[in-house]
Amino acid sequence: MHCDWRNGPGSREGLHGPGRVGSGGDGARPQRTENGRLPRPSRRRPPGGGQAVRGRRHPRRCREARLLAAVTAAGRVRVPTVIGYGPVPGLTVSALVTTDAGTSTLGDAVRAGQMPRPAALLRLALLMAAFHTVKAPAGVPLAPGIGQQVSALAAHCPKQVFVRLAPALEVIAAGARLERLVWCHGDLHLENVICGGDRRLTVGEHGRPRLPDYLVDFEAATVEVPEYDLAQTLVACDALEPSDRLFVAAAYGRPVDTRLLDAYVTFQAVRGWTYAAHREGRDRDAWAARLHLALSPHSGRTAL
């Protein structure tokens, strides 16, 4: 069992079961870090084993439970099963309790030499393609879309960098198509996929790959075009070289507008650099390299 503790108003009520879905909690939005994302939750096990505990600040205690329930019902992607959620009696926190999917991520597998990096990127692309077929649940608050993200970025990004983003934003604006919108995970990278017990890819119903891994962390889930999600993955995984972009876009297996993908890569790289390196002083060399690749007029372009 896995428990996600979240700050929230105290209550005398116990945890809700997965069938009792209430409204989201209130309170200030959590502070985001790299690429505008929340810090990665800590997964820890208490002495003697038992349930796994994950801690993170978040006032909307019902939101992720409803998102997980929607993904589970669709049956395309594995996620931890919700056992219960709600305020913890006597404490000023709320909790989301799920089955324990484990702690070993795709990133862990790559670092340990248990999985080649291309194989891990393939898993991400297949998971994303499957997730994009799931309909976003109605009435559940999602993360801000591209419009709000651009407005927030304009307030924090140095002007000399933001002006270089203008050509990409023009392409993004021109590529907005209502019929192409999908439910995007928003932060699909190697640390947000928990390795399943059997790491082999097999073919399931209708020739679809049967994916053994678990998708976690839906804090950045929103509705956008597929290229938005693909670009975030490319940036977060340092897969910005032309060969990586081509490989991930091809493995995704669904139509991709490569010009739009390149524009979103530029946007996601500038956004990540602004929040992580410029504002917080973290990983400056890594983000400088990503920014250089994303803003270069010729390097890194995707050609399918």
Protein backbone atom coordinates (compact mmCIF):
# COMPACT_ATOMS: atom_id res chain seq x y z
CA MET A 1 0.00 0.00 0.00
CA HIS A 2 1.20 3.48 -0.85
CA CYS A 3 0.23 6.65 1.00
CA ASP A 4 0.64 10.15 -0.42
CA TRP A 5 0.48 12.68 2.42
CA ARG A 6 -0.61 16.17 1.43
CA ASN A 7 -1.01 19.39 3.38
CA GLY A 8 -4.63 20.35 3.78
CA PRO A 9 -7.22 21.48 6.29
CA GLY A 10 -7.67 19.25 9.32
CA SER A 11 -10.85 17.24 9.64
CA ARG A 12 -12.49 14.71 11.90
CA GLU A 13 -13.60 12.69 8.91
CA GLY A 14 -11.67 9.65 7.85
CA LEU A 15 -10.38 8.75 4.40
CA HIS A 16 -12.84 8.44 1.55
CA GLY A 17 -12.96 5.24 -0.40
CA PRO A 18 -12.40 5.41 -4.16
CA GLY A 19 -16.13 5.37 -4.80
CA ARG A 20 -16.75 8.55 -2.81
CA VAL A 21 -15.45 11.38 -4.91
CA GLY A 22 -15.83 14.85 -3.46
CA SER A 23 -14.74 18.31 -4.55
CA GLY A 24 -11.12 19.38 -4.52
CA GLY A 25 -9.60 21.00 -1.46
CA ASP A 26 -8.72 24.66 -1.19
CA GLY A 27 -5.55 26.55 -0.33
CA ALA A 28 -2.59 28.10 -2.12
CA ARG A 29 -1.11 26.39 -5.15
CA PRO A 30 2.15 24.55 -4.43
CA GLN A 31 5.42 26.06 -5.61
CA ARG A 32 6.74 24.43 -8.77
CA THR A 33 10.36 23.92 -9.62
CA GLU A 34 12.12 22.56 -12.68
CA ASN A 35 10.07 23.15 -15.84
CA GLY A 36 7.33 24.51 -13.61
CA ARG A 37 6.85 21.09 -12.05
CA LEU A 38 6.45 20.09 -8.45
CA PRO A 39 9.44 18.53 -6.70
CA ARG A 40 9.55 14.78 -7.14
CA PRO A 41 7.76 13.14 -4.19
CA SER A 42 9.79 11.15 -1.73
CA ARG A 43 8.92 7.48 -1.54
CA ARG A 44 9.83 5.87 1.74
CA ARG A 45 8.96 2.69 3.58
CA PRO A 46 8.50 2.58 7.33
CA PRO A 47 10.65 0.18 9.37
CA GLY A 48 9.47 -3.38 9.06
CA GLY A 49 7.96 -2.95 5.62
CA GLY A 50 4.26 -2.44 5.03
CA GLN A 51 2.81 0.54 3.27
CA ALA A 52 4.96 2.95 1.29
CA VAL A 53 4.61 6.61 2.21
CA ARG A 54 5.00 9.46 -0.26
CA GLY A 55 5.04 13.04 1.02
CA ARG A 56 4.29 16.19 -0.95
CA ARG A 57 2.46 19.47 -0.43
CA HIS A 58 -0.84 19.62 -2.30
CA PRO A 59 -4.22 20.95 -1.14
CA ARG A 60 -6.40 19.31 -3.79
CA ARG A 61 -6.76 15.91 -2.16
CA CYS A 62 -9.45 14.51 -4.46
CA ARG A 63 -8.03 15.62 -7.80
CA GLU A 64 -5.39 12.95 -8.30
CA ALA A 65 -7.70 10.23 -6.98
CA ARG A 66 -10.22 11.09 -9.69
CA LEU A 67 -7.53 11.26 -12.35
CA LEU A 68 -6.18 7.85 -11.35
CA ALA A 69 -9.71 6.42 -11.35
CA ALA A 70 -10.28 7.69 -14.90
CA VAL A 71 -7.05 6.13 -16.16
CA THR A 72 -7.84 2.84 -14.41
CA ALA A 73 -11.32 2.74 -15.94
CA ALA A 74 -9.92 3.27 -19.45
CA GLY A 75 -7.66 0.23 -19.04
CA ARG A 76 -4.94 1.48 -21.42
CA VAL A 77 -2.22 2.42 -18.92
CA ARG A 78 -1.38 0.93 -15.54
CA VAL A 79 -1.52 3.27 -12.55
CA PRO A 80 -1.56 2.57 -8.80
CA THR A 81 -5.06 1.67 -7.62
CA VAL A 82 -6.68 4.17 -5.26
CA ILE A 83 -7.59 2.65 -1.90
CA GLY A 84 -8.72 5.84 -0.19
CA TYR A 85 -8.14 9.55 0.13
CA GLY A 86 -9.09 12.47 2.33
CA PRO A 87 -8.07 14.38 5.47
CA VAL A 88 -6.12 12.55 8.14
CA PRO A 89 -7.98 12.78 11.48
CA GLY A 90 -6.19 14.99 13.98
CA LEU A 91 -3.62 16.29 11.49
CA THR A 92 -3.47 19.21 9.09
CA VAL A 93 -2.64 16.97 6.15
CA SER A 94 -4.62 14.93 3.69
CA ALA A 95 -3.59 11.61 2.21
CA LEU A 96 -3.98 9.65 -0.99
CA VAL A 97 -3.56 5.93 -0.35
CA THR A 98 -2.87 3.63 -3.29
CA THR A 99 -1.58 0.17 -3.87
CA ASP A 100 2.21 0.10 -3.83
CA ALA A 101 3.51 -0.08 -7.40
CA GLY A 102 7.12 -0.15 -6.21
CA THR A 103 9.96 2.36 -6.16
CA SER A 104 12.21 1.40 -9.09
CA THR A 105 11.77 3.82 -11.98
CA LEU A 106 12.81 3.60 -15.61
CA GLY A 107 15.55 6.05 -14.71
CA ASP A 108 16.80 3.67 -12.01
CA ALA A 109 16.80 0.81 -14.52
CA VAL A 110 18.84 2.83 -17.02
CA ARG A 111 21.36 3.96 -14.40
CA ALA A 112 21.77 0.40 -13.12
CA GLY A 113 22.42 -0.91 -16.62
CA GLN A 114 19.27 -3.04 -16.52
CA MET A 115 17.67 -1.29 -19.50
CA PRO A 116 19.27 0.52 -22.46
CA ARG A 117 18.31 4.17 -22.74
CA PRO A 118 16.62 3.70 -26.16
CA ALA A 119 14.45 0.95 -24.66
CA ALA A 120 13.42 3.30 -21.84
CA LEU A 121 12.59 6.08 -24.33
CA LEU A 122 10.53 3.56 -26.30
CA ARG A 123 8.54 2.74 -23.13
CA LEU A 124 7.87 6.44 -22.59
CA ALA A 125 6.64 6.91 -26.16
CA LEU A 126 4.36 3.86 -25.98
CA LEU A 127 2.98 4.93 -22.60
CA MET A 128 2.30 8.40 -23.94
CA ALA A 129 0.52 7.10 -27.03
CA ALA A 130 -1.68 4.89 -24.85
CA PHE A 131 -2.38 7.68 -22.36
CA HIS A 132 -3.38 10.06 -25.16
CA THR A 133 -6.28 7.74 -26.02
CA VAL A 134 -7.78 8.23 -22.56
CA LYS A 135 -10.43 10.92 -22.27
CA ALA A 136 -9.80 13.56 -19.60
CA PRO A 137 -12.40 13.21 -16.82
CA ALA A 138 -15.04 15.92 -16.83
CA GLY A 139 -15.18 18.31 -13.90
CA VAL A 140 -11.67 17.62 -12.60
CA PRO A 141 -9.37 20.66 -12.43
CA LEU A 142 -6.35 20.28 -14.68
CA ALA A 143 -3.02 22.12 -14.77
CA PRO A 144 -2.88 25.41 -16.70
CA GLY A 145 -2.70 25.11 -20.48
CA ILE A 146 -0.26 26.72 -22.86
CA GLY A 147 -1.89 30.17 -22.74
CA GLN A 148 -1.52 30.55 -18.99
CA GLN A 149 1.94 28.99 -19.10
CA VAL A 150 3.14 31.55 -21.65
CA SER A 151 1.74 34.42 -19.56
CA ALA A 152 3.50 33.13 -16.45
CA LEU A 153 6.73 32.59 -18.36
CA ALA A 154 6.67 36.15 -19.71
CA ALA A 155 6.65 37.44 -16.14
CA HIS A 156 9.73 35.43 -15.07
CA CYS A 157 11.88 34.83 -18.16
CA PRO A 158 14.60 37.40 -18.98
CA LYS A 159 13.43 39.56 -21.87
CA GLN A 160 16.47 38.81 -24.03
CA VAL A 161 15.62 35.09 -23.85
CA PHE A 162 11.84 35.43 -24.09
CA VAL A 163 12.03 37.43 -27.34
CA ARG A 164 13.90 34.52 -28.92
CA LEU A 165 10.88 32.37 -28.13
CA ALA A 166 8.59 34.48 -30.36
CA PRO A 167 8.99 32.39 -33.57
CA ALA A 168 8.16 29.20 -31.67
CA LEU A 169 5.10 30.80 -30.07
CA GLU A 170 3.84 31.82 -33.52
CA VAL A 171 4.09 28.21 -34.69
CA ILE A 172 2.36 27.00 -31.52
CA ALA A 173 -0.49 29.48 -31.98
CA ALA A 174 -0.93 28.50 -35.62
CA GLY A 175 -0.89 24.79 -34.73
CA ALA A 176 -3.73 24.94 -32.21
CA ARG A 177 -6.46 22.60 -33.43
CA LEU A 178 -9.42 21.67 -31.25
CA GLU A 179 -9.79 18.28 -32.90
CA ARG A 180 -6.17 17.36 -32.05
CA LEU A 181 -6.40 18.04 -28.32
CA VAL A 182 -5.61 15.09 -26.05
CA TRP A 183 -5.24 14.53 -22.34
CA CYS A 184 -1.52 15.14 -21.73
CA HIS A 185 0.37 13.80 -18.73
CA GLY A 186 2.51 16.94 -18.79
CA ASP A 187 5.57 15.48 -17.10
CA LEU A 188 6.24 12.06 -18.57
CA HIS A 189 9.91 11.28 -17.98
CA LEU A 190 12.05 8.40 -16.75
CA GLU A 191 11.42 9.09 -13.05
CA ASN A 192 7.62 9.15 -13.39
CA VAL A 193 7.34 5.58 -14.63
CA ILE A 194 7.59 2.74 -12.10
CA CYS A 195 8.93 -0.49 -13.55
CA GLY A 196 6.51 -3.40 -13.49
CA GLY A 197 7.51 -6.80 -12.22
CA ASP A 198 7.76 -8.22 -15.74
CA ARG A 199 9.67 -5.78 -17.92
CA ARG A 200 9.00 -7.58 -21.19
CA LEU A 201 6.79 -5.89 -23.78
CA THR A 202 4.10 -8.22 -25.11
CA VAL A 203 1.28 -7.81 -27.60
CA GLY A 204 -2.21 -7.53 -26.18
CA GLU A 205 -5.72 -7.04 -27.57
CA HIS A 206 -6.01 -5.57 -31.11
CA GLY A 207 -2.24 -5.79 -31.53
CA ARG A 208 -1.59 -3.11 -28.91
CA PRO A 209 1.55 -3.44 -26.79
CA ARG A 210 0.86 -4.62 -23.26
CA LEU A 211 2.78 -2.19 -21.05
CA PRO A 212 3.92 -3.59 -17.68
CA ASP A 213 4.99 -0.26 -16.18
CA TYR A 214 3.05 2.12 -13.92
CA LEU A 215 2.54 5.79 -14.74
CA VAL A 216 2.61 8.15 -11.74
CA ASP A 217 2.51 11.86 -10.83
CA PHE A 218 -0.37 13.58 -12.60
CA GLU A 219 0.20 17.03 -11.12
CA ALA A 220 0.92 18.59 -14.54
CA ALA A 221 -1.88 16.80 -16.43
CA THR A 222 -3.63 19.12 -18.86
CA VAL A 223 -5.33 19.13 -22.26
CA GLU A 224 -3.11 20.11 -25.18
CA VAL A 225 -1.92 18.85 -28.57
CA PRO A 226 0.28 15.72 -28.50
CA GLU A 227 3.41 17.68 -29.44
CA TYR A 228 3.21 19.51 -26.10
CA ASP A 229 3.64 16.25 -24.19
CA LEU A 230 6.26 14.83 -26.56
CA ALA A 231 8.36 17.99 -26.28
CA GLN A 232 8.28 17.96 -22.49
CA THR A 233 9.50 14.36 -22.52
CA LEU A 234 12.30 15.14 -24.97
CA VAL A 235 13.51 18.07 -22.86
CA ALA A 236 13.18 16.32 -19.49
CA CYS A 237 15.03 13.24 -20.79
CA ASP A 238 17.81 15.19 -22.54
CA ALA A 239 16.67 13.66 -25.81
CA LEU A 240 17.16 16.77 -27.92
CA GLU A 241 19.56 15.48 -30.55
CA PRO A 242 17.95 14.90 -33.98
CA SER A 243 18.28 11.13 -33.68
CA ASP A 244 16.51 11.12 -30.28
CA ARG A 245 13.69 13.35 -31.51
CA LEU A 246 13.19 11.16 -34.56
CA PHE A 247 13.25 7.97 -32.51
CA VAL A 248 10.73 9.14 -29.89
CA ALA A 249 8.38 10.69 -32.45
CA ALA A 250 8.45 7.49 -34.54
CA ALA A 251 7.98 5.25 -31.48
CA TYR A 252 4.96 7.33 -30.47
CA GLY A 253 3.29 5.82 -33.52
CA ARG A 254 0.63 8.52 -34.02
CA PRO A 255 0.62 11.55 -36.35
CA VAL A 256 3.13 14.20 -35.27
CA ASP A 257 3.53 17.71 -36.66
CA THR A 258 7.31 17.95 -36.60
CA ARG A 259 7.42 21.73 -37.01
CA LEU A 260 5.03 22.08 -34.09
CA LEU A 261 7.06 19.56 -32.07
CA ASP A 262 10.22 21.60 -32.56
CA ALA A 263 8.38 24.76 -31.49
CA TYR A 264 7.14 23.08 -28.32
CA VAL A 265 10.65 21.75 -27.60
CA THR A 266 11.88 25.35 -27.70
CA PHE A 267 9.09 26.47 -25.39
CA GLN A 268 9.60 23.64 -22.88
CA ALA A 269 13.37 24.19 -22.81
CA VAL A 270 13.00 27.94 -22.20
CA ARG A 271 10.39 27.30 -19.52
CA GLY A 272 12.57 24.74 -17.76
CA TRP A 273 15.67 26.94 -17.94
CA THR A 274 13.73 29.91 -16.57
CA TYR A 275 12.33 28.15 -13.51
CA ALA A 276 15.20 25.79 -12.70
CA ALA A 277 18.39 27.58 -13.72
CA HIS A 278 17.53 31.28 -13.84
CA ARG A 279 15.18 31.54 -10.86
CA GLU A 280 16.47 28.75 -8.62
CA GLY A 281 20.10 28.36 -9.71
CA ARG A 282 19.81 24.60 -10.19
CA ASP A 283 21.57 22.48 -12.83
CA ARG A 284 22.72 25.57 -14.70
CA ASP A 285 25.14 23.78 -17.02
CA ALA A 286 22.60 21.12 -17.98
CA TRP A 287 19.88 23.67 -18.66
CA ALA A 288 22.28 25.91 -20.60
CA ALA A 289 23.04 22.97 -22.90
CA ARG A 290 19.32 22.22 -23.37
CA LEU A 291 18.59 25.86 -24.06
CA HIS A 292 21.38 26.03 -26.64
CA LEU A 293 20.09 22.97 -28.49
CA ALA A 294 16.49 24.20 -28.39
CA LEU A 295 17.24 27.73 -29.59
CA SER A 296 19.81 26.82 -32.23
CA PRO A 297 18.38 27.66 -35.68
CA HIS A 298 19.60 24.44 -37.29
CA SER A 299 20.44 21.77 -34.69
CA GLY A 300 17.91 19.32 -33.32
CA ARG A 301 15.21 19.69 -35.98
CA THR A 302 12.91 16.70 -36.33
CA ALA A 303 12.43 15.24 -39.82
CA LEU A 304 10.06 12.32 -40.25
